Amino acid sequence: MTRLAVLGSPIAHSKSPDIHSAAYRSLGLDWGYERFELTEPELAAFLGSRGPDWRGFSLTMPLKAEALALADEVDETARVTGAVNTLLLTGSGSERQLSGFNTDVAGIVNSLAEHGVREAANVCILGGGATAASAIMAAAALGAQAVTVAVRTPAKAEGLHRQAEAAGLALRIVPLGDALAAASESQLIISTLPGGSDTGLVFDAELIGRVALYDVAYAPWPSALGAQWQAAGGQLISGLGMLLHQALVQVRIFVAGDPFAPLPDEAAVFRAMTAAALSNPVKG
């Protein structure tokens, strides 16, 4: 049996096994998809010990940068973002190769489009980790000209300037406490903060009413930030959509080796993935 898995820490909450398993059942493939709790120092040894029955891996935090370093080749999106969230294993023995991809950008863009958000001239991103780099590229795809990243420690996010420059964006990095002012100038807020984070930020109802919040977290749901949008009736978009759309591209990679090759009856595959994600909702 062909084997796949999602790797990261923490990983117990991940819905990827449900979503991917539904996709392979829909495609008539007897493939198994597991989960493994791993940290960065453990990744190389884990990958090196996998047998010929392994096809690939989904990577979540904190492994995306380490996966980039371990890949034999990477796609352009992974190179620019500095983050690999998908590894494809091909060949065998001395010819075995790890190819790295970033499907997070497509996941963000496609899930936003699903909710009618197809453009934003100014975007505010909360958090400065690996997903923030993908959010910057997604902002560029939405036609943004300027992006503000609000983080707890601005000095640690300076590396994001490289992604912004590659995407042709003007980037400003500010302390998280300045997010309220930055968001007031934006058409879209993308939160890349962990779902359990409480920033202490309180957004006013007027801003919530006119600026959509795309919260990449989906567990617990809603996040503390998302709860503010829910209470005020603002447009709140869950990261579950990102998970589904990026997973669809991962399935393309695992099945065909190509992120752009549509799957047989792809619409039916995506419906099966969505049903699996919604069958056991994550609650806060």
Protein backbone atom coordinates (compact mmCIF):
# COMPACT_ATOMS: atom_id res chain seq x y z
CA MET A 1 0.00 0.00 0.00
CA THR A 2 1.20 3.51 -0.83
CA ARG A 3 1.76 5.51 2.33
CA LEU A 4 1.52 9.25 3.06
CA ALA A 5 1.47 11.31 6.25
CA VAL A 6 1.21 14.74 7.78
CA LEU A 7 4.16 15.74 9.98
CA GLY A 8 4.45 18.50 12.58
CA SER A 9 4.03 19.49 16.20
CA PRO A 10 1.39 19.75 17.55
CA ILE A 11 -0.39 17.43 15.13
CA ALA A 12 -3.15 15.63 17.07
CA HIS A 13 -5.80 18.16 15.96
CA SER A 14 -4.97 17.88 12.24
CA LYS A 15 -7.85 17.07 9.92
CA SER A 16 -5.44 16.22 7.07
CA PRO A 17 -5.77 12.43 7.54
CA ASP A 18 -9.56 12.67 7.18
CA ILE A 19 -9.36 14.99 4.18
CA HIS A 20 -6.67 13.11 2.28
CA SER A 21 -8.16 9.69 2.99
CA ALA A 22 -11.48 10.89 1.56
CA ALA A 23 -9.70 12.09 -1.59
CA TYR A 24 -7.98 8.76 -2.23
CA ARG A 25 -11.18 6.82 -1.61
CA SER A 26 -12.94 9.06 -4.13
CA LEU A 27 -10.16 8.35 -6.63
CA GLY A 28 -10.37 4.60 -6.00
CA LEU A 29 -6.84 4.43 -4.59
CA ASP A 30 -5.94 2.12 -1.72
CA TRP A 31 -3.56 4.63 -0.12
CA GLY A 32 -2.98 5.20 3.58
CA TYR A 33 -2.48 8.61 5.18
CA GLU A 34 -1.16 8.90 8.74
CA ARG A 35 0.11 11.54 11.17
CA PHE A 36 3.40 11.79 13.05
CA GLU A 37 4.41 14.21 15.80
CA LEU A 38 7.86 15.51 14.82
CA THR A 39 10.06 18.49 15.61
CA GLU A 40 12.77 19.99 13.39
CA PRO A 41 15.74 17.96 14.72
CA GLU A 42 13.81 14.73 14.07
CA LEU A 43 12.75 15.38 10.48
CA ALA A 44 15.90 14.34 8.56
CA ALA A 45 16.20 10.99 10.31
CA PHE A 46 12.48 10.30 9.88
CA LEU A 47 12.58 11.00 6.14
CA GLY A 48 15.75 8.97 5.69
CA SER A 49 14.21 5.93 7.34
CA ARG A 50 11.12 5.68 5.12
CA GLY A 51 10.84 2.63 2.87
CA PRO A 52 9.86 2.39 -0.82
CA ASP A 53 6.15 2.29 0.06
CA TRP A 54 6.22 5.97 1.04
CA ARG A 55 5.04 8.52 -1.55
CA GLY A 56 5.04 11.86 0.28
CA PHE A 57 4.35 14.10 3.24
CA SER A 58 2.36 17.16 4.23
CA LEU A 59 4.36 19.48 6.51
CA THR A 60 2.93 21.81 9.11
CA MET A 61 4.58 23.92 11.81
CA PRO A 62 7.38 23.93 12.77
CA LEU A 63 8.83 21.92 9.88
CA LYS A 64 8.35 24.06 6.77
CA ALA A 65 11.77 25.74 6.78
CA GLU A 66 13.58 22.50 7.67
CA ALA A 67 11.76 20.69 4.85
CA LEU A 68 13.01 23.34 2.44
CA ALA A 69 16.58 22.68 3.56
CA LEU A 70 16.19 18.91 3.14
CA ALA A 71 14.51 18.90 -0.29
CA ASP A 72 16.62 18.02 -3.34
CA GLU A 73 14.61 20.46 -5.46
CA VAL A 74 11.81 22.94 -4.76
CA ASP A 75 9.21 24.79 -6.79
CA GLU A 76 9.36 28.55 -7.26
CA THR A 77 6.70 29.30 -4.65
CA ALA A 78 8.59 27.33 -2.01
CA ARG A 79 11.83 29.04 -2.97
CA VAL A 80 10.38 32.53 -2.66
CA THR A 81 8.46 31.89 0.56
CA GLY A 82 11.25 29.87 2.15
CA ALA A 83 8.66 27.28 3.19
CA VAL A 84 7.89 23.75 1.98
CA ASN A 85 4.60 22.22 3.08
CA THR A 86 4.66 19.25 0.69
CA LEU A 87 7.37 16.69 0.00
CA LEU A 88 7.11 14.19 -2.85
CA LEU A 89 9.27 11.04 -2.77
CA THR A 90 10.26 9.63 -6.15
CA GLY A 91 12.80 7.09 -7.35
CA SER A 92 14.47 4.47 -5.18
CA GLY A 93 17.84 3.67 -3.65
CA SER A 94 20.57 6.09 -4.67
CA GLU A 95 18.14 7.68 -7.17
CA ARG A 96 15.60 8.58 -4.49
CA GLN A 97 14.64 12.24 -4.56
CA LEU A 98 12.67 14.63 -2.36
CA SER A 99 10.82 17.35 -4.26
CA GLY A 100 9.44 20.25 -2.22
CA PHE A 101 6.37 22.36 -2.94
CA ASN A 102 4.43 25.16 -1.29
CA THR A 103 0.67 24.75 -1.75
CA ASP A 104 -0.28 27.22 1.00
CA VAL A 105 -0.33 30.21 -1.37
CA ALA A 106 -2.80 28.50 -3.70
CA GLY A 107 -4.79 27.42 -0.66
CA ILE A 108 -5.15 30.99 0.58
CA VAL A 109 -5.96 32.50 -2.82
CA ASN A 110 -8.47 29.83 -3.83
CA SER A 111 -10.29 29.77 -0.50
CA LEU A 112 -10.57 33.57 -0.46
CA ALA A 113 -11.99 33.48 -4.00
CA GLU A 114 -14.53 30.91 -2.83
CA HIS A 115 -15.80 33.57 -0.39
CA GLY A 116 -15.85 36.35 -2.97
CA VAL A 117 -12.54 38.01 -1.97
CA ARG A 118 -10.56 38.32 -5.20
CA GLU A 119 -8.72 41.60 -4.73
CA ALA A 120 -7.31 43.82 -1.99
CA ALA A 121 -5.02 46.78 -2.54
CA ASN A 122 -3.79 46.89 1.06
CA VAL A 123 -3.46 43.84 3.30
CA CYS A 124 -2.65 43.54 7.01
CA ILE A 125 -1.06 40.26 8.11
CA LEU A 126 -0.93 39.24 11.77
CA GLY A 127 2.00 37.00 12.69
CA GLY A 128 5.38 36.56 11.05
CA GLY A 129 5.99 32.81 10.69
CA ALA A 130 6.19 30.57 7.64
CA THR A 131 2.50 31.02 6.80
CA ALA A 132 2.99 34.80 6.79
CA ALA A 133 5.43 34.42 3.91
CA SER A 134 2.76 32.52 1.98
CA ALA A 135 0.20 35.19 2.92
CA ILE A 136 2.48 37.85 1.41
CA MET A 137 2.55 36.00 -1.90
CA ALA A 138 -1.20 35.50 -1.73
CA ALA A 139 -1.63 39.26 -1.17
CA ALA A 140 0.38 39.87 -4.33
CA ALA A 141 -1.92 37.50 -6.23
CA LEU A 142 -4.87 39.60 -5.00
CA GLY A 143 -3.28 42.68 -6.55
CA ALA A 144 -2.05 44.23 -3.31
CA GLN A 145 0.44 47.07 -3.56
CA ALA A 146 1.22 47.33 0.14
CA VAL A 147 1.31 44.86 3.01
CA THR A 148 1.74 45.49 6.72
CA VAL A 149 2.89 42.62 8.93
CA ALA A 150 2.18 43.03 12.65
CA VAL A 151 4.25 40.81 14.94
CA ARG A 152 5.21 40.57 18.59
CA THR A 153 8.93 40.90 17.80
CA PRO A 154 9.47 42.90 14.58
CA ALA A 155 13.20 42.12 14.42
CA LYS A 156 12.41 38.42 13.98
CA ALA A 157 10.27 39.12 10.92
CA GLU A 158 12.85 41.09 8.93
CA GLY A 159 13.37 38.09 6.64
CA LEU A 160 9.89 38.70 5.20
CA HIS A 161 11.25 41.66 3.26
CA ARG A 162 12.83 39.17 0.85
CA GLN A 163 9.46 37.60 0.05
CA ALA A 164 7.81 40.99 -0.36
CA GLU A 165 10.53 42.19 -2.70
CA ALA A 166 10.24 39.06 -4.81
CA ALA A 167 6.47 39.60 -4.98
CA GLY A 168 6.84 43.28 -5.89
CA LEU A 169 5.20 44.55 -2.71
CA ALA A 170 5.97 47.39 -0.33
CA LEU A 171 6.25 45.81 3.12
CA ARG A 172 6.01 47.44 6.52
CA ILE A 173 6.68 45.51 9.74
CA VAL A 174 5.15 46.89 12.95
CA PRO A 175 4.66 45.71 16.54
CA LEU A 176 1.50 43.67 17.09
CA GLY A 177 0.08 46.49 19.18
CA ASP A 178 0.03 48.71 16.07
CA ALA A 179 -2.18 46.25 14.19
CA LEU A 180 -5.32 48.28 14.91
CA ALA A 181 -3.98 51.28 13.01
CA ALA A 182 -2.58 49.15 10.22
CA ALA A 183 -5.84 47.26 9.79
CA SER A 184 -7.80 50.51 9.47
CA GLU A 185 -5.98 51.18 6.20
CA SER A 186 -6.54 47.68 4.83
CA GLN A 187 -9.19 45.89 2.81
CA LEU A 188 -8.28 42.48 4.22
CA ILE A 189 -6.75 41.13 7.44
CA ILE A 190 -5.00 37.76 7.30
CA SER A 191 -4.25 36.25 10.69
CA THR A 192 -1.53 33.59 10.63
CA LEU A 193 -1.48 33.33 14.43
CA PRO A 194 -2.11 29.97 16.15
CA GLY A 195 -5.77 29.42 16.92
CA GLY A 196 -5.25 29.47 20.66
CA SER A 197 -3.52 32.87 20.62
CA ASP A 198 -5.11 35.81 22.39
CA THR A 199 -3.50 38.97 21.08
CA GLY A 200 -5.37 41.29 23.41
CA LEU A 201 -6.33 43.34 20.34
CA VAL A 202 -9.86 44.69 20.30
CA PHE A 203 -11.14 45.86 16.90
CA ASP A 204 -14.05 48.27 16.72
CA ALA A 205 -17.33 47.35 15.09
CA GLU A 206 -16.93 49.87 12.27
CA LEU A 207 -13.68 48.26 11.10
CA ILE A 208 -15.07 44.74 11.49
CA GLY A 209 -18.04 45.74 9.36
CA ARG A 210 -15.91 46.75 6.38
CA VAL A 211 -12.73 44.62 6.58
CA ALA A 212 -12.84 40.85 6.11
CA LEU A 213 -10.81 38.65 8.46
CA TYR A 214 -9.17 35.58 6.98
CA ASP A 215 -8.09 33.47 9.95
CA VAL A 216 -5.83 30.61 8.85
CA ALA A 217 -6.48 28.86 12.17
CA TYR A 218 -9.26 26.30 12.32
CA ALA A 219 -8.65 24.68 15.70
CA PRO A 220 -9.94 25.80 18.09
CA TRP A 221 -12.69 27.62 16.22
CA PRO A 222 -13.43 30.40 16.39
CA SER A 223 -10.15 31.85 17.58
CA ALA A 224 -10.27 34.71 20.08
CA LEU A 225 -9.84 37.11 17.18
CA GLY A 226 -12.42 35.37 15.03
CA ALA A 227 -14.91 35.54 17.87
CA GLN A 228 -14.82 39.35 17.61
CA TRP A 229 -15.83 39.16 13.93
CA GLN A 230 -18.55 36.63 14.69
CA ALA A 231 -20.01 38.75 17.48
CA ALA A 232 -20.07 41.89 15.31
CA GLY A 233 -21.41 40.15 12.19
CA GLY A 234 -18.29 40.81 10.10
CA GLN A 235 -17.00 38.65 7.27
CA LEU A 236 -14.98 35.87 8.89
CA ILE A 237 -13.29 33.24 6.72
CA SER A 238 -11.96 30.09 8.36
CA GLY A 239 -8.59 28.54 7.62
CA LEU A 240 -10.39 25.27 7.01
CA GLY A 241 -10.91 26.49 3.44
CA MET A 242 -7.17 27.03 3.08
CA LEU A 243 -6.56 23.53 4.44
CA LEU A 244 -8.94 22.04 1.88
CA HIS A 245 -7.67 23.96 -1.13
CA GLN A 246 -4.00 23.45 -0.36
CA ALA A 247 -4.71 19.77 0.29
CA LEU A 248 -6.34 19.45 -3.13
CA VAL A 249 -3.11 20.69 -4.72
CA GLN A 250 -1.17 18.24 -2.53
CA VAL A 251 -3.33 15.38 -3.79
CA ARG A 252 -2.50 16.43 -7.36
CA ILE A 253 1.19 16.32 -6.45
CA PHE A 254 0.99 12.92 -4.76
CA VAL A 255 -1.13 11.38 -7.53
CA ALA A 256 0.36 12.95 -10.67
CA GLY A 257 3.56 14.65 -9.48
CA ASP A 258 2.21 17.96 -10.80
CA PRO A 259 0.45 20.68 -8.76
CA PHE A 260 -1.30 21.95 -11.90
CA ALA A 261 -2.64 18.62 -13.23
CA PRO A 262 -6.38 18.36 -12.45
CA LEU A 263 -7.53 15.11 -10.88
CA PRO A 264 -10.09 12.84 -12.53
CA ASP A 265 -13.51 14.28 -11.62
CA GLU A 266 -11.80 16.80 -9.38
CA ALA A 267 -15.04 18.48 -8.33
CA ALA A 268 -16.28 15.20 -6.84
CA VAL A 269 -12.94 14.65 -5.09
CA PHE A 270 -13.13 18.12 -3.53
CA ARG A 271 -16.71 17.52 -2.37
CA ALA A 272 -15.58 14.32 -0.66
CA MET A 273 -12.71 16.16 1.02
CA THR A 274 -15.02 18.93 2.21
CA ALA A 275 -17.56 16.46 3.58
CA ALA A 276 -14.80 14.70 5.52
CA ALA A 277 -13.59 18.00 6.98
CA LEU A 278 -17.09 19.00 8.08
CA SER A 279 -18.17 15.60 9.40
CA ASN A 280 -16.32 16.13 12.68
CA PRO A 281 -16.16 19.91 13.23
CA VAL A 282 -13.42 21.31 15.42
CA LYS A 283 -14.77 23.32 18.34
CA GLY A 284 -13.10 25.88 20.52
